[in-house]
N, C-alpha and C. Protein backbone atom coordinates (compact mmCIF):
# COMPACT_ATOMS: atom_id res chain seq x y z
N MET A 1 14.06 0.30 1.89
CA MET A 1 12.84 -0.45 1.63
C MET A 1 12.08 -0.73 2.93
N PHE A 2 12.82 -1.06 3.96
CA PHE A 2 12.20 -1.36 5.25
C PHE A 2 11.47 -0.13 5.79
N ILE A 3 12.16 1.01 5.81
CA ILE A 3 11.59 2.24 6.35
C ILE A 3 10.42 2.72 5.49
N ALA A 4 10.57 2.64 4.16
CA ALA A 4 9.49 3.09 3.26
C ALA A 4 8.23 2.25 3.47
N ALA A 5 8.38 0.94 3.53
CA ALA A 5 7.22 0.06 3.73
C ALA A 5 6.60 0.31 5.10
N LEU A 6 7.44 0.47 6.11
CA LEU A 6 6.93 0.73 7.46
C LEU A 6 6.17 2.05 7.52
N PHE A 7 6.75 3.11 6.97
CA PHE A 7 6.10 4.41 6.96
C PHE A 7 4.77 4.36 6.21
N GLU A 8 4.80 3.81 5.00
CA GLU A 8 3.58 3.78 4.19
C GLU A 8 2.47 3.00 4.88
N GLU A 9 2.79 1.86 5.43
CA GLU A 9 1.75 1.06 6.07
C GLU A 9 1.24 1.72 7.36
N MET A 10 2.14 2.25 8.16
CA MET A 10 1.68 2.90 9.40
C MET A 10 0.84 4.15 9.09
N TYR A 11 1.29 4.93 8.10
CA TYR A 11 0.57 6.15 7.77
C TYR A 11 -0.73 5.86 7.03
N PHE A 12 -0.64 5.11 5.94
CA PHE A 12 -1.81 4.92 5.09
C PHE A 12 -2.80 3.92 5.67
N ARG A 13 -2.32 2.78 6.17
CA ARG A 13 -3.24 1.80 6.75
C ARG A 13 -3.57 2.17 8.19
N GLY A 14 -2.54 2.42 8.99
CA GLY A 14 -2.73 2.64 10.41
C GLY A 14 -3.48 3.92 10.75
N ILE A 15 -3.22 5.00 10.01
CA ILE A 15 -3.87 6.27 10.33
C ILE A 15 -5.01 6.58 9.36
N ILE A 16 -4.71 6.67 8.08
CA ILE A 16 -5.72 7.12 7.11
C ILE A 16 -6.85 6.10 6.96
N GLN A 17 -6.51 4.85 6.68
CA GLN A 17 -7.55 3.84 6.47
C GLN A 17 -8.41 3.68 7.73
N ASN A 18 -7.77 3.64 8.89
CA ASN A 18 -8.53 3.52 10.14
C ASN A 18 -9.46 4.71 10.35
N SER A 19 -8.94 5.91 10.11
CA SER A 19 -9.76 7.12 10.28
C SER A 19 -10.95 7.12 9.33
N LEU A 20 -10.70 6.79 8.08
CA LEU A 20 -11.79 6.74 7.10
C LEU A 20 -12.83 5.70 7.49
N LEU A 21 -12.36 4.57 7.98
CA LEU A 21 -13.29 3.52 8.40
C LEU A 21 -14.17 3.99 9.55
N LEU A 22 -13.60 4.75 10.47
CA LEU A 22 -14.39 5.29 11.58
C LEU A 22 -15.48 6.24 11.09
N PHE A 23 -15.12 7.10 10.13
CA PHE A 23 -16.08 8.10 9.64
C PHE A 23 -17.07 7.54 8.63
N LEU A 24 -16.60 6.66 7.76
CA LEU A 24 -17.45 6.14 6.68
C LEU A 24 -18.15 4.84 7.04
N ASN A 25 -17.54 4.08 7.93
CA ASN A 25 -18.08 2.78 8.34
C ASN A 25 -18.30 1.85 7.14
N GLU A 26 -17.44 1.99 6.15
CA GLU A 26 -17.53 1.17 4.93
C GLU A 26 -16.11 0.74 4.55
N GLN A 27 -15.82 -0.54 4.72
CA GLN A 27 -14.49 -1.09 4.54
C GLN A 27 -13.88 -0.75 3.18
N TRP A 28 -14.55 -1.09 2.10
CA TRP A 28 -13.94 -0.94 0.77
C TRP A 28 -13.83 0.51 0.34
N ILE A 29 -14.73 1.36 0.77
CA ILE A 29 -14.60 2.78 0.45
C ILE A 29 -13.34 3.33 1.13
N ALA A 30 -13.13 2.96 2.39
CA ALA A 30 -11.93 3.40 3.12
C ALA A 30 -10.66 2.88 2.45
N ILE A 31 -10.68 1.64 2.00
CA ILE A 31 -9.51 1.06 1.33
C ILE A 31 -9.25 1.75 0.00
N ILE A 32 -10.29 2.02 -0.78
CA ILE A 32 -10.12 2.66 -2.09
C ILE A 32 -9.63 4.10 -1.95
N ILE A 33 -10.20 4.86 -1.02
CA ILE A 33 -9.74 6.24 -0.83
C ILE A 33 -8.29 6.25 -0.36
N THR A 34 -7.94 5.36 0.55
CA THR A 34 -6.57 5.26 1.02
C THR A 34 -5.63 4.93 -0.13
N THR A 35 -6.05 4.02 -1.00
CA THR A 35 -5.26 3.64 -2.16
C THR A 35 -5.06 4.82 -3.09
N LEU A 36 -6.10 5.60 -3.34
CA LEU A 36 -5.97 6.77 -4.21
C LEU A 36 -5.02 7.81 -3.61
N LEU A 37 -5.07 7.98 -2.31
CA LEU A 37 -4.13 8.90 -1.65
C LEU A 37 -2.70 8.40 -1.77
N LEU A 38 -2.51 7.10 -1.64
CA LEU A 38 -1.18 6.51 -1.79
C LEU A 38 -0.67 6.72 -3.22
N LEU A 39 -1.54 6.57 -4.21
CA LEU A 39 -1.14 6.81 -5.60
C LEU A 39 -0.67 8.25 -5.77
N GLY A 40 -1.36 9.18 -5.13
CA GLY A 40 -0.98 10.58 -5.22
C GLY A 40 0.41 10.86 -4.68
N MET A 41 0.87 10.02 -3.78
CA MET A 41 2.20 10.17 -3.22
C MET A 41 3.29 9.66 -4.18
N HIS A 42 2.92 8.82 -5.11
CA HIS A 42 3.89 8.22 -6.03
C HIS A 42 3.89 8.97 -7.37
N THR A 43 4.14 10.26 -7.31
CA THR A 43 4.11 11.10 -8.52
C THR A 43 5.16 10.70 -9.55
N GLN A 44 6.22 10.07 -9.11
CA GLN A 44 7.28 9.67 -10.05
C GLN A 44 6.78 8.64 -11.07
N TYR A 45 5.64 8.02 -10.80
CA TYR A 45 5.12 7.00 -11.71
C TYR A 45 3.93 7.48 -12.54
N PHE A 46 3.62 8.76 -12.50
CA PHE A 46 2.44 9.26 -13.23
C PHE A 46 2.56 9.05 -14.74
N LYS A 47 3.75 8.94 -15.28
CA LYS A 47 3.93 8.70 -16.71
C LYS A 47 4.17 7.22 -17.02
N LYS A 48 3.99 6.38 -16.00
CA LYS A 48 4.18 4.93 -16.16
C LYS A 48 2.92 4.22 -15.68
N PRO A 49 1.91 4.11 -16.56
CA PRO A 49 0.63 3.54 -16.13
C PRO A 49 0.70 2.13 -15.56
N ILE A 50 1.62 1.32 -16.05
CA ILE A 50 1.74 -0.05 -15.52
C ILE A 50 2.15 -0.01 -14.05
N MET A 51 3.06 0.90 -13.70
CA MET A 51 3.47 1.03 -12.30
C MET A 51 2.31 1.51 -11.44
N LEU A 52 1.52 2.44 -11.96
CA LEU A 52 0.36 2.93 -11.20
C LEU A 52 -0.65 1.82 -10.97
N ILE A 53 -0.86 0.99 -11.97
CA ILE A 53 -1.78 -0.14 -11.82
C ILE A 53 -1.22 -1.11 -10.77
N ASN A 54 0.09 -1.36 -10.82
CA ASN A 54 0.73 -2.24 -9.84
C ASN A 54 0.56 -1.70 -8.43
N ILE A 55 0.78 -0.40 -8.25
CA ILE A 55 0.63 0.21 -6.93
C ILE A 55 -0.83 0.17 -6.49
N PHE A 56 -1.74 0.45 -7.41
CA PHE A 56 -3.17 0.45 -7.10
C PHE A 56 -3.62 -0.92 -6.60
N VAL A 57 -3.29 -1.96 -7.36
CA VAL A 57 -3.74 -3.31 -7.02
C VAL A 57 -3.11 -3.79 -5.71
N THR A 58 -1.81 -3.59 -5.57
CA THR A 58 -1.16 -4.05 -4.35
C THR A 58 -1.64 -3.27 -3.13
N SER A 59 -1.92 -1.98 -3.29
CA SER A 59 -2.45 -1.20 -2.18
C SER A 59 -3.82 -1.69 -1.75
N LEU A 60 -4.65 -2.07 -2.71
CA LEU A 60 -5.95 -2.65 -2.36
C LEU A 60 -5.75 -3.94 -1.56
N ILE A 61 -4.80 -4.75 -1.99
CA ILE A 61 -4.53 -6.01 -1.29
C ILE A 61 -4.00 -5.74 0.11
N PHE A 62 -3.07 -4.79 0.24
CA PHE A 62 -2.53 -4.46 1.57
C PHE A 62 -3.64 -3.95 2.48
N GLY A 63 -4.53 -3.12 1.94
CA GLY A 63 -5.65 -2.62 2.73
C GLY A 63 -6.57 -3.74 3.19
N TRP A 64 -6.82 -4.68 2.31
CA TRP A 64 -7.66 -5.82 2.65
C TRP A 64 -6.99 -6.70 3.70
N ILE A 65 -5.67 -6.93 3.53
CA ILE A 65 -4.93 -7.73 4.51
C ILE A 65 -5.02 -7.08 5.89
N TYR A 66 -4.85 -5.76 5.92
CA TYR A 66 -4.91 -5.06 7.20
C TYR A 66 -6.30 -5.17 7.82
N PHE A 67 -7.32 -5.02 7.00
CA PHE A 67 -8.69 -5.11 7.52
C PHE A 67 -8.97 -6.51 8.06
N GLU A 68 -8.53 -7.52 7.33
CA GLU A 68 -8.81 -8.91 7.73
C GLU A 68 -8.03 -9.33 8.97
N THR A 69 -6.79 -8.87 9.09
CA THR A 69 -5.95 -9.31 10.21
C THR A 69 -6.01 -8.36 11.40
N ASN A 70 -6.38 -7.11 11.15
CA ASN A 70 -6.37 -6.06 12.17
C ASN A 70 -4.99 -5.97 12.84
N ASN A 71 -3.96 -6.18 12.02
CA ASN A 71 -2.58 -6.18 12.50
C ASN A 71 -1.72 -5.48 11.45
N ILE A 72 -1.14 -4.34 11.80
CA ILE A 72 -0.35 -3.56 10.85
C ILE A 72 0.90 -4.30 10.39
N LEU A 73 1.36 -5.26 11.16
CA LEU A 73 2.55 -6.02 10.76
C LEU A 73 2.30 -6.89 9.53
N ALA A 74 1.08 -7.35 9.35
CA ALA A 74 0.78 -8.23 8.21
C ALA A 74 0.97 -7.51 6.87
N PRO A 75 0.30 -6.37 6.62
CA PRO A 75 0.54 -5.70 5.34
C PRO A 75 1.96 -5.13 5.24
N PHE A 76 2.54 -4.73 6.38
CA PHE A 76 3.92 -4.24 6.35
C PHE A 76 4.86 -5.33 5.87
N LEU A 77 4.74 -6.53 6.41
CA LEU A 77 5.62 -7.63 6.01
C LEU A 77 5.44 -7.98 4.53
N VAL A 78 4.20 -8.05 4.07
CA VAL A 78 3.95 -8.35 2.65
C VAL A 78 4.52 -7.24 1.77
N HIS A 79 4.32 -5.99 2.18
CA HIS A 79 4.82 -4.83 1.43
C HIS A 79 6.35 -4.87 1.35
N PHE A 80 6.98 -5.09 2.48
CA PHE A 80 8.44 -5.14 2.51
C PHE A 80 8.98 -6.28 1.65
N LEU A 81 8.41 -7.46 1.78
CA LEU A 81 8.88 -8.61 1.00
C LEU A 81 8.65 -8.41 -0.49
N MET A 82 7.53 -7.78 -0.86
CA MET A 82 7.27 -7.51 -2.26
C MET A 82 8.30 -6.51 -2.81
N ASN A 83 8.56 -5.44 -2.06
CA ASN A 83 9.57 -4.47 -2.50
C ASN A 83 10.95 -5.10 -2.60
N LEU A 84 11.30 -5.92 -1.62
CA LEU A 84 12.59 -6.60 -1.64
C LEU A 84 12.69 -7.53 -2.85
N GLY A 85 11.65 -8.30 -3.10
CA GLY A 85 11.64 -9.20 -4.26
C GLY A 85 11.74 -8.45 -5.57
N ASN A 86 11.01 -7.35 -5.70
CA ASN A 86 11.10 -6.53 -6.92
C ASN A 86 12.49 -5.96 -7.09
N ASP A 87 13.08 -5.50 -6.02
CA ASP A 87 14.42 -4.92 -6.09
C ASP A 87 15.45 -5.97 -6.50
N ILE A 88 15.36 -7.14 -5.92
CA ILE A 88 16.30 -8.22 -6.28
C ILE A 88 16.10 -8.63 -7.74
N TYR A 89 14.84 -8.77 -8.15
CA TYR A 89 14.55 -9.18 -9.52
C TYR A 89 15.08 -8.16 -10.53
N TYR A 90 14.75 -6.90 -10.30
CA TYR A 90 15.13 -5.88 -11.28
C TYR A 90 16.62 -5.56 -11.23
N SER A 91 17.28 -5.76 -10.12
CA SER A 91 18.74 -5.53 -10.08
C SER A 91 19.49 -6.63 -10.83
N ASN A 92 18.87 -7.81 -10.94
CA ASN A 92 19.51 -8.92 -11.66
C ASN A 92 19.18 -8.92 -13.15
N THR A 93 18.20 -8.14 -13.57
CA THR A 93 17.82 -8.15 -14.97
C THR A 93 18.46 -7.02 -15.77
N ILE A 94 19.17 -6.16 -15.10
CA ILE A 94 19.78 -5.01 -15.81
C ILE A 94 21.13 -5.38 -16.37
């Protein structure tokens, strides 16, 4: 979970979102395109629309957090804690 959250945030927020922001100069367009690219990486959830909605919404939030704080650690920490919380919750409900 730690490595996945770190990789996703560094790659999608740190590289893709930043690059799009440089070229487009439009915060929300960069965040939305980055989110759509992130969704494309989660092909295992294409038959689970609720999971796709969850990923879409949280990715928008992570993108916004990164834009507001200008610190990659902020969305990484939120992403990691959310994944950890989901894992703990779902491991206890089975």
